[in-house]
C-alpha atoms as a PDB file:
ATOM      1  CA  MET A   1     -31.299 -34.492 -16.433  1.00  0.00           C
ATOM      2  CA  SER A   2     -28.636 -31.772 -15.847  1.00  0.00           C
ATOM      3  CA  LYS A   3     -25.388 -32.818 -14.817  1.00  0.00           C
ATOM      4  CA  ARG A   4     -23.110 -31.411 -12.351  1.00  0.00           C
ATOM      5  CA  PRO A   5     -19.631 -29.814 -13.897  1.00  0.00           C
ATOM      6  CA  ILE A   6     -16.660 -31.119 -13.196  1.00  0.00           C
ATOM      7  CA  GLY A   7     -14.210 -29.918 -10.501  1.00  0.00           C
ATOM      8  CA  ARG A   8     -14.238 -27.990  -7.762  1.00  0.00           C
ATOM      9  CA  PRO A   9     -17.201 -24.823  -7.444  1.00  0.00           C
ATOM     10  CA  LYS A  10     -15.687 -21.860  -8.689  1.00  0.00           C
ATOM     11  CA  LEU A  11     -14.730 -19.268  -5.718  1.00  0.00           C
ATOM     12  CA  ARG A  12     -17.272 -16.107  -5.840  1.00  0.00           C
ATOM     13  CA  TRP A  13     -15.750 -12.372  -4.903  1.00  0.00           C
ATOM     14  CA  GLU A  14     -16.892 -12.578  -1.272  1.00  0.00           C
ATOM     15  CA  ASP A  15     -14.645 -16.080  -0.843  1.00  0.00           C
ATOM     16  CA  ASP A  16     -11.685 -14.482  -2.545  1.00  0.00           C
ATOM     17  CA  VAL A  17     -12.481 -11.110  -0.226  1.00  0.00           C
ATOM     18  CA  LEU A  18     -12.125 -13.468   3.022  1.00  0.00           C
ATOM     19  CA  GLU A  19      -8.980 -15.435   2.260  1.00  0.00           C
ATOM     20  CA  ASP A  20      -7.463 -11.848   1.705  1.00  0.00           C
ATOM     21  CA  ILE A  21      -8.741 -10.755   5.200  1.00  0.00           C
ATOM     22  CA  LYS A  22      -7.870 -14.634   6.556  1.00  0.00           C
ATOM     23  CA  ASN A  23      -4.040 -14.000   5.035  1.00  0.00           C
ATOM     24  CA  MET A  24      -3.977 -10.055   6.186  1.00  0.00           C
ATOM     25  CA  ASN A  25      -3.867 -11.740  10.157  1.00  0.00           C
ATOM     26  CA  VAL A  26      -7.372  -9.306  11.379  1.00  0.00           C
ATOM     27  CA  ARG A  27      -9.041 -10.407  14.632  1.00  0.00           C
ATOM     28  CA  ASN A  28     -12.467  -9.653  14.314  1.00  0.00           C
ATOM     29  CA  TRP A  29     -12.117  -8.203  10.632  1.00  0.00           C
ATOM     30  CA  LYS A  30     -16.425  -6.680  11.102  1.00  0.00           C
ATOM     31  CA  LYS A  31     -16.021  -4.674  14.162  1.00  0.00           C
ATOM     32  CA  VAL A  32     -12.834  -3.132  12.859  1.00  0.00           C
ATOM     33  CA  ALA A  33     -14.121  -1.910   8.958  1.00  0.00           C
ATOM     34  CA  LYS A  34     -16.895  -0.521  10.893  1.00  0.00           C
ATOM     35  CA  ASN A  35     -14.587   2.002  12.638  1.00  0.00           C
ATOM     36  CA  SER A  36     -13.096   3.839   9.506  1.00  0.00           C
ATOM     37  CA  ASP A  37     -10.074   5.121  10.757  1.00  0.00           C
ATOM     38  CA  ARG A  38      -9.016   1.939  12.274  1.00  0.00           C
ATOM     39  CA  TRP A  39      -9.555   0.106   8.576  1.00  0.00           C
ATOM     40  CA  LYS A  40      -7.768   2.547   6.637  1.00  0.00           C
ATOM     41  CA  LYS A  41      -4.940   1.846   8.833  1.00  0.00           C
ATOM     42  CA  VAL A  42      -5.153  -1.531   8.250  1.00  0.00           C
ATOM     43  CA  LEU A  43      -5.395  -1.848   4.806  1.00  0.00           C
ATOM     44  CA  VAL A  44      -2.392   0.981   4.964  1.00  0.00           C
ATOM     45  CA  VAL A  45      -0.376  -1.780   7.075  1.00  0.00           C
ATOM     46  CA  GLU A  46      -1.196  -4.556   4.537  1.00  0.00           C
ATOM     47  CA  GLN A  47      -0.164  -2.498   1.253  1.00  0.00           C
ATOM     48  CA  ALA A  48       3.221  -1.663   3.003  1.00  0.00           C
ATOM     49  CA  ARG A  49       3.584  -5.409   3.789  1.00  0.00           C
ATOM     50  CA  THR A  50       2.778  -6.088   0.187  1.00  0.00           C
ATOM     51  CA  LEU A  51       5.088  -3.893  -1.417  1.00  0.00           C
ATOM     52  CA  ASN A  52       8.071  -4.737   0.738  1.00  0.00           C
ATOM     53  CA  ARG A  53       7.128  -8.909   0.032  1.00  0.00           C
ATOM     54  CA  ARG A  54       7.102  -7.712  -3.920  1.00  0.00           C
ATOM     55  CA  ARG A  55      10.598  -5.926  -3.486  1.00  0.00           C
ATOM     56  CA  ILE A  56      11.969  -8.558  -1.483  1.00  0.00           C
ATOM     57  CA  ARG A  57      11.223 -10.921  -4.256  1.00  0.00           C
ATOM     58  CA  LYS A  58      12.938  -8.770  -6.787  1.00  0.00           C
ATOM     59  CA  MET A  59      16.555  -8.546  -4.608  1.00  0.00           C
ATOM     60  CA  SER A  60      18.861 -10.368  -5.718  1.00  0.00           C
ATOM     61  CA  TRP A  61      19.455 -13.646  -3.352  1.00  0.00           C
ATOM     62  CA  LYS A  62      22.388 -11.481  -1.897  1.00  0.00           C
ATOM     63  CA  ALA A  63      21.166  -8.324  -1.085  1.00  0.00           C
ATOM     64  CA  ARG A  64      18.184 -10.416   0.429  1.00  0.00           C
ATOM     65  CA  ASN A  65      20.574 -12.257   2.694  1.00  0.00           C
ATOM     66  CA  GLU A  66      22.448  -8.681   3.287  1.00  0.00           C
ATOM     67  CA  ARG A  67      19.325  -7.156   4.403  1.00  0.00           C
ATOM     68  CA  LEU A  68      18.202 -10.134   6.520  1.00  0.00           C
ATOM     69  CA  GLY A  69      21.436 -10.061   8.528  1.00  0.00           C
ATOM     70  CA  GLU A  70      21.004  -6.096   8.945  1.00  0.00           C
ATOM     71  CA  LEU A  71      17.214  -6.921  10.484  1.00  0.00           C
ATOM     72  CA  MET A  72      18.588  -9.879  12.452  1.00  0.00           C
ATOM     73  CA  ASN A  73      21.549  -7.974  13.902  1.00  0.00           C
ATOM     74  CA  VAL A  74      18.631  -5.285  15.522  1.00  0.00           C
ATOM     75  CA  HIS A  75      18.292  -5.387  18.836  1.00  0.00           C
END
């Protein structure tokens, strides 16, 4: 008789992809993905957001606060 492995089940590739799509806040992603031009735009926007987050994480606290202040003062 075999035993179940201890811990939670390993994530499948599909689970990881679905989690990424969920984090991208794309509604009706299957419908959007069928339109290749729209899907490419979604991916480009998400890539830009990701790169921006990485840049912000690398910034010093002072630079980060200055940038945030600039963004908050824009009307």
